Amino acid sequence: MKDTGFSVPAAKLDRLAASYWTNQKTGALELFDPAEAGQWSRPPAFPSGGGGLVSTVDDYLAFGRMMLNRGRHGGDRILSRPSVEAMTTDQLTQEQKAVSGLVPGYFDSHGWGFGVSVVTRREDIAGSVGRFGWDGGLGTSWYSDPQEDMVGILMTQRAWTSPKPPEVRADFYTLAYQAIDD
């Protein structure tokens, strides 16, 4: 993953897209984070292990495939199989889910592994049980589906306006699953 980090080197800033958001008061689409002078144009004071990475589709796909391959990338072992299994298994108790303030109803069909969301109950065409991944509030979504041997990556330049994913995310995964022809 040569293009993933907590910042983008100056020599690669021309490849970074600007980020936009919807102004809650006016409804207008506005620049949120300019590529050339934004938060990823320089190293952060303190890199966060829980978020803040910037990446490319190619690197995201390599990561998603490695997770599907239980920790292997090509012929190399990156993570142990048991580590990937722990990461992609729901680690929350029913009591923890009941008091979560995340999104009402989210844990009715999802759990949380070590750093990834895990689908625990199918609720639509795009939610195979066991599918795991992450939605980023600045407009990205990645899920790996072991049942379908599929990696889905959606990268937009538009920040979410609420904890509920935007319609483009649901449309993307619905279309991806509808395209399965076996």
C-alpha atoms as a PDB file:
ATOM      1  CA  MET A   1       0.000   0.000   0.000  1.00  0.00           C
ATOM      2  CA  LYS A   2       2.337   2.642  -1.283  1.00  0.00           C
ATOM      3  CA  ASP A   3      -0.246   5.424  -1.438  1.00  0.00           C
ATOM      4  CA  THR A   4      -1.873   5.169   1.994  1.00  0.00           C
ATOM      5  CA  GLY A   5      -0.924   7.306   4.961  1.00  0.00           C
ATOM      6  CA  PHE A   6      -1.914  10.058   7.323  1.00  0.00           C
ATOM      7  CA  SER A   7      -0.835  12.677   4.803  1.00  0.00           C
ATOM      8  CA  VAL A   8       0.052  12.969   1.127  1.00  0.00           C
ATOM      9  CA  PRO A   9       3.642  13.801   0.148  1.00  0.00           C
ATOM     10  CA  ALA A  10       4.015  17.157  -1.607  1.00  0.00           C
ATOM     11  CA  ALA A  11       5.084  15.411  -4.827  1.00  0.00           C
ATOM     12  CA  LYS A  12       1.734  13.557  -4.949  1.00  0.00           C
ATOM     13  CA  LEU A  13      -0.662  16.330  -3.904  1.00  0.00           C
ATOM     14  CA  ASP A  14      -1.735  16.816  -7.522  1.00  0.00           C
ATOM     15  CA  ARG A  15      -3.411  13.372  -7.278  1.00  0.00           C
ATOM     16  CA  LEU A  16      -5.468  14.262  -4.187  1.00  0.00           C
ATOM     17  CA  ALA A  17      -9.054  15.375  -4.735  1.00  0.00           C
ATOM     18  CA  ALA A  18     -10.623  18.194  -2.759  1.00  0.00           C
ATOM     19  CA  SER A  19     -13.386  17.311  -0.290  1.00  0.00           C
ATOM     20  CA  TYR A  20     -16.830  18.945  -0.249  1.00  0.00           C
ATOM     21  CA  TRP A  21     -19.731  19.088   2.178  1.00  0.00           C
ATOM     22  CA  THR A  22     -23.284  20.395   2.192  1.00  0.00           C
ATOM     23  CA  ASN A  23     -23.801  23.544   4.232  1.00  0.00           C
ATOM     24  CA  GLN A  24     -26.579  22.632   6.696  1.00  0.00           C
ATOM     25  CA  LYS A  25     -27.985  26.172   6.729  1.00  0.00           C
ATOM     26  CA  THR A  26     -28.027  26.941   3.002  1.00  0.00           C
ATOM     27  CA  GLY A  27     -28.024  23.477   1.431  1.00  0.00           C
ATOM     28  CA  ALA A  28     -25.200  24.602  -0.870  1.00  0.00           C
ATOM     29  CA  LEU A  29     -22.290  22.336  -1.733  1.00  0.00           C
ATOM     30  CA  GLU A  30     -19.108  23.935  -0.369  1.00  0.00           C
ATOM     31  CA  LEU A  31     -15.401  23.208  -0.313  1.00  0.00           C
ATOM     32  CA  PHE A  32     -14.584  21.401   2.937  1.00  0.00           C
ATOM     33  CA  ASP A  33     -10.929  20.510   2.553  1.00  0.00           C
ATOM     34  CA  PRO A  34      -8.792  21.783  -0.334  1.00  0.00           C
ATOM     35  CA  ALA A  35      -6.282  19.236  -1.602  1.00  0.00           C
ATOM     36  CA  GLU A  36      -3.283  21.541  -1.866  1.00  0.00           C
ATOM     37  CA  ALA A  37      -3.637  23.123   1.599  1.00  0.00           C
ATOM     38  CA  GLY A  38      -5.961  20.798   3.467  1.00  0.00           C
ATOM     39  CA  GLN A  39      -5.530  18.457   6.385  1.00  0.00           C
ATOM     40  CA  TRP A  40      -3.819  15.732   4.336  1.00  0.00           C
ATOM     41  CA  SER A  41      -1.308  18.084   2.708  1.00  0.00           C
ATOM     42  CA  ARG A  42       0.952  17.833   5.763  1.00  0.00           C
ATOM     43  CA  PRO A  43       1.603  15.227   8.471  1.00  0.00           C
ATOM     44  CA  PRO A  44      -0.769  15.455  11.446  1.00  0.00           C
ATOM     45  CA  ALA A  45       0.554  16.391  14.875  1.00  0.00           C
ATOM     46  CA  PHE A  46      -0.688  13.036  16.144  1.00  0.00           C
ATOM     47  CA  PRO A  47      -1.724  10.252  13.703  1.00  0.00           C
ATOM     48  CA  SER A  48      -4.956   8.582  14.804  1.00  0.00           C
ATOM     49  CA  GLY A  49      -5.162   4.800  14.746  1.00  0.00           C
ATOM     50  CA  GLY A  50      -8.950   5.112  14.546  1.00  0.00           C
ATOM     51  CA  GLY A  51      -9.232   7.243  11.437  1.00  0.00           C
ATOM     52  CA  GLY A  52      -7.725   9.908   9.271  1.00  0.00           C
ATOM     53  CA  LEU A  53      -6.033   7.817   6.607  1.00  0.00           C
ATOM     54  CA  VAL A  54      -5.947   8.935   3.012  1.00  0.00           C
ATOM     55  CA  SER A  55      -5.621   6.327   0.279  1.00  0.00           C
ATOM     56  CA  THR A  56      -6.211   5.347  -3.337  1.00  0.00           C
ATOM     57  CA  VAL A  57      -8.649   2.891  -4.881  1.00  0.00           C
ATOM     58  CA  ASP A  58      -5.730   0.588  -5.760  1.00  0.00           C
ATOM     59  CA  ASP A  59      -4.476   0.489  -2.161  1.00  0.00           C
ATOM     60  CA  TYR A  60      -7.985   0.059  -0.788  1.00  0.00           C
ATOM     61  CA  LEU A  61      -8.553  -2.852  -3.176  1.00  0.00           C
ATOM     62  CA  ALA A  62      -5.258  -4.478  -2.127  1.00  0.00           C
ATOM     63  CA  PHE A  63      -6.333  -4.169   1.514  1.00  0.00           C
ATOM     64  CA  GLY A  64      -9.838  -5.483   0.829  1.00  0.00           C
ATOM     65  CA  ARG A  65      -8.492  -8.475  -1.097  1.00  0.00           C
ATOM     66  CA  MET A  66      -5.927  -9.189   1.628  1.00  0.00           C
ATOM     67  CA  MET A  67      -8.733  -9.261   4.187  1.00  0.00           C
ATOM     68  CA  LEU A  68     -10.781 -11.583   1.945  1.00  0.00           C
ATOM     69  CA  ASN A  69      -7.734 -13.829   1.612  1.00  0.00           C
ATOM     70  CA  ARG A  70      -7.529 -14.126   5.414  1.00  0.00           C
ATOM     71  CA  GLY A  71      -4.404 -12.022   5.751  1.00  0.00           C
ATOM     72  CA  ARG A  72      -2.522 -12.967   2.593  1.00  0.00           C
ATOM     73  CA  HIS A  73      -1.572 -10.552  -0.161  1.00  0.00           C
ATOM     74  CA  GLY A  74      -0.161 -12.394  -3.131  1.00  0.00           C
ATOM     75  CA  GLY A  75       2.271 -14.871  -1.651  1.00  0.00           C
ATOM     76  CA  ASP A  76       2.925 -12.804   1.471  1.00  0.00           C
ATOM     77  CA  ARG A  77       1.327 -13.202   4.879  1.00  0.00           C
ATOM     78  CA  ILE A  78       0.437  -9.712   6.174  1.00  0.00           C
ATOM     79  CA  LEU A  79      -1.878 -10.691   9.045  1.00  0.00           C
ATOM     80  CA  SER A  80      -2.432 -14.077  10.639  1.00  0.00           C
ATOM     81  CA  ARG A  81      -5.653 -15.884   9.750  1.00  0.00           C
ATOM     82  CA  PRO A  82      -6.806 -15.782  13.408  1.00  0.00           C
ATOM     83  CA  SER A  83      -6.196 -12.009  13.480  1.00  0.00           C
ATOM     84  CA  VAL A  84      -8.411 -11.467  10.434  1.00  0.00           C
ATOM     85  CA  GLU A  85     -11.061 -13.758  11.914  1.00  0.00           C
ATOM     86  CA  ALA A  86     -11.062 -11.751  15.153  1.00  0.00           C
ATOM     87  CA  MET A  87     -11.161  -8.466  13.255  1.00  0.00           C
ATOM     88  CA  THR A  88     -14.164  -9.571  11.193  1.00  0.00           C
ATOM     89  CA  THR A  89     -16.193 -11.165  14.000  1.00  0.00           C
ATOM     90  CA  ASP A  90     -18.735  -9.166  15.984  1.00  0.00           C
ATOM     91  CA  GLN A  91     -17.080  -8.332  19.314  1.00  0.00           C
ATOM     92  CA  LEU A  92     -19.998  -6.478  20.934  1.00  0.00           C
ATOM     93  CA  THR A  93     -22.396  -7.893  23.483  1.00  0.00           C
ATOM     94  CA  GLN A  94     -26.158  -7.367  23.198  1.00  0.00           C
ATOM     95  CA  GLU A  95     -25.905  -5.088  26.246  1.00  0.00           C
ATOM     96  CA  GLN A  96     -23.304  -2.902  24.515  1.00  0.00           C
ATOM     97  CA  LYS A  97     -25.414  -2.722  21.365  1.00  0.00           C
ATOM     98  CA  ALA A  98     -28.516  -1.782  23.366  1.00  0.00           C
ATOM     99  CA  VAL A  99     -26.889   1.342  24.829  1.00  0.00           C
ATOM    100  CA  SER A 100     -24.972   2.406  21.717  1.00  0.00           C
ATOM    101  CA  GLY A 101     -25.669   5.902  20.492  1.00  0.00           C
ATOM    102  CA  LEU A 102     -24.345   5.211  16.980  1.00  0.00           C
ATOM    103  CA  VAL A 103     -27.365   5.129  14.638  1.00  0.00           C
ATOM    104  CA  PRO A 104     -30.755   3.911  15.894  1.00  0.00           C
ATOM    105  CA  GLY A 105     -31.338   0.345  14.689  1.00  0.00           C
ATOM    106  CA  TYR A 106     -27.824  -0.086  13.283  1.00  0.00           C
ATOM    107  CA  PHE A 107     -26.941  -2.954  15.579  1.00  0.00           C
ATOM    108  CA  ASP A 108     -30.130  -4.837  14.676  1.00  0.00           C
ATOM    109  CA  SER A 109     -28.249  -6.102  11.626  1.00  0.00           C
ATOM    110  CA  HIS A 110     -24.611  -5.158  12.287  1.00  0.00           C
ATOM    111  CA  GLY A 111     -21.883  -5.796  14.782  1.00  0.00           C
ATOM    112  CA  TRP A 112     -18.410  -4.433  15.311  1.00  0.00           C
ATOM    113  CA  GLY A 113     -15.169  -6.365  14.974  1.00  0.00           C
ATOM    114  CA  PHE A 114     -11.733  -4.898  15.554  1.00  0.00           C
ATOM    115  CA  GLY A 115     -11.918  -1.824  13.324  1.00  0.00           C
ATOM    116  CA  VAL A 116     -14.628  -2.989  10.929  1.00  0.00           C
ATOM    117  CA  SER A 117     -18.392  -3.179  10.775  1.00  0.00           C
ATOM    118  CA  VAL A 118     -19.764  -6.711  10.348  1.00  0.00           C
ATOM    119  CA  VAL A 119     -23.154  -7.618   8.848  1.00  0.00           C
ATOM    120  CA  THR A 120     -24.870 -10.030  11.251  1.00  0.00           C
ATOM    121  CA  ARG A 121     -28.324 -10.216   9.644  1.00  0.00           C
ATOM    122  CA  ARG A 122     -29.268  -9.726   6.014  1.00  0.00           C
ATOM    123  CA  GLU A 123     -31.646  -6.830   5.569  1.00  0.00           C
ATOM    124  CA  ASP A 124     -31.353  -6.088   1.862  1.00  0.00           C
ATOM    125  CA  ILE A 125     -29.763  -7.353  -1.365  1.00  0.00           C
ATOM    126  CA  ALA A 126     -26.434  -5.738  -0.481  1.00  0.00           C
ATOM    127  CA  GLY A 127     -25.845  -7.151   2.951  1.00  0.00           C
ATOM    128  CA  SER A 128     -24.608 -10.741   2.954  1.00  0.00           C
ATOM    129  CA  VAL A 129     -24.131 -12.042   6.485  1.00  0.00           C
ATOM    130  CA  GLY A 130     -20.405 -11.896   7.228  1.00  0.00           C
ATOM    131  CA  ARG A 131     -19.719  -8.920   4.966  1.00  0.00           C
ATOM    132  CA  PHE A 132     -17.319  -6.514   6.672  1.00  0.00           C
ATOM    133  CA  GLY A 133     -15.883  -3.076   6.026  1.00  0.00           C
ATOM    134  CA  TRP A 134     -15.924   0.569   6.889  1.00  0.00           C
ATOM    135  CA  ASP A 135     -17.798   3.708   5.886  1.00  0.00           C
ATOM    136  CA  GLY A 136     -15.848   6.938   6.123  1.00  0.00           C
ATOM    137  CA  GLY A 137     -17.659  10.151   6.954  1.00  0.00           C
ATOM    138  CA  LEU A 138     -15.813  12.046   4.230  1.00  0.00           C
ATOM    139  CA  GLY A 139     -17.422  10.033   1.446  1.00  0.00           C
ATOM    140  CA  THR A 140     -15.764   6.628   1.255  1.00  0.00           C
ATOM    141  CA  SER A 141     -17.099   3.124   1.717  1.00  0.00           C
ATOM    142  CA  TRP A 142     -15.367  -0.255   1.564  1.00  0.00           C
ATOM    143  CA  TYR A 143     -16.792  -3.703   2.191  1.00  0.00           C
ATOM    144  CA  SER A 144     -15.420  -7.169   1.555  1.00  0.00           C
ATOM    145  CA  ASP A 145     -17.924  -9.988   1.151  1.00  0.00           C
ATOM    146  CA  PRO A 146     -16.451 -13.475   1.713  1.00  0.00           C
ATOM    147  CA  GLN A 147     -19.672 -15.163   0.587  1.00  0.00           C
ATOM    148  CA  GLU A 148     -19.512 -13.502  -2.838  1.00  0.00           C
ATOM    149  CA  ASP A 149     -15.695 -13.155  -2.996  1.00  0.00           C
ATOM    150  CA  MET A 150     -16.262  -9.492  -3.722  1.00  0.00           C
ATOM    151  CA  VAL A 151     -14.729  -6.188  -2.684  1.00  0.00           C
ATOM    152  CA  GLY A 152     -16.760  -3.013  -3.107  1.00  0.00           C
ATOM    153  CA  ILE A 153     -15.158   0.423  -2.900  1.00  0.00           C
ATOM    154  CA  LEU A 154     -16.986   3.713  -3.268  1.00  0.00           C
ATOM    155  CA  MET A 155     -14.971   6.909  -3.129  1.00  0.00           C
ATOM    156  CA  THR A 156     -16.761  10.222  -3.420  1.00  0.00           C
ATOM    157  CA  GLN A 157     -15.535  13.699  -2.606  1.00  0.00           C
ATOM    158  CA  ARG A 158     -18.602  14.561  -0.555  1.00  0.00           C
ATOM    159  CA  ALA A 159     -18.795  14.358   3.236  1.00  0.00           C
ATOM    160  CA  TRP A 160     -21.809  12.706   4.762  1.00  0.00           C
ATOM    161  CA  THR A 161     -24.400  15.025   6.255  1.00  0.00           C
ATOM    162  CA  SER A 162     -25.664  12.582   8.892  1.00  0.00           C
ATOM    163  CA  PRO A 163     -24.752   9.270  10.538  1.00  0.00           C
ATOM    164  CA  LYS A 164     -27.031   7.564   8.019  1.00  0.00           C
ATOM    165  CA  PRO A 165     -25.199   6.806   4.753  1.00  0.00           C
ATOM    166  CA  PRO A 166     -26.150   8.862   1.691  1.00  0.00           C
ATOM    167  CA  GLU A 167     -28.340   7.288  -0.991  1.00  0.00           C
ATOM    168  CA  VAL A 168     -25.399   6.959  -3.405  1.00  0.00           C
ATOM    169  CA  ARG A 169     -23.873   4.374  -1.054  1.00  0.00           C
ATOM    170  CA  ALA A 170     -27.012   2.231  -0.977  1.00  0.00           C
ATOM    171  CA  ASP A 171     -27.381   2.569  -4.753  1.00  0.00           C
ATOM    172  CA  PHE A 172     -23.750   1.572  -5.322  1.00  0.00           C
ATOM    173  CA  TYR A 173     -23.960  -1.641  -3.289  1.00  0.00           C
ATOM    174  CA  THR A 174     -27.420  -2.530  -4.626  1.00  0.00           C
ATOM    175  CA  LEU A 175     -26.115  -2.266  -8.196  1.00  0.00           C
ATOM    176  CA  ALA A 176     -22.959  -4.224  -7.358  1.00  0.00           C
ATOM    177  CA  TYR A 177     -24.975  -7.118  -5.915  1.00  0.00           C
ATOM    178  CA  GLN A 178     -27.528  -6.985  -8.733  1.00  0.00           C
ATOM    179  CA  ALA A 179     -24.673  -7.454 -11.202  1.00  0.00           C
ATOM    180  CA  ILE A 180     -23.775 -10.873  -9.762  1.00  0.00           C
ATOM    181  CA  ASP A 181     -24.470 -13.402 -12.502  1.00  0.00           C
ATOM    182  CA  ASP A 182     -23.763 -16.969 -11.519  1.00  0.00           C
END
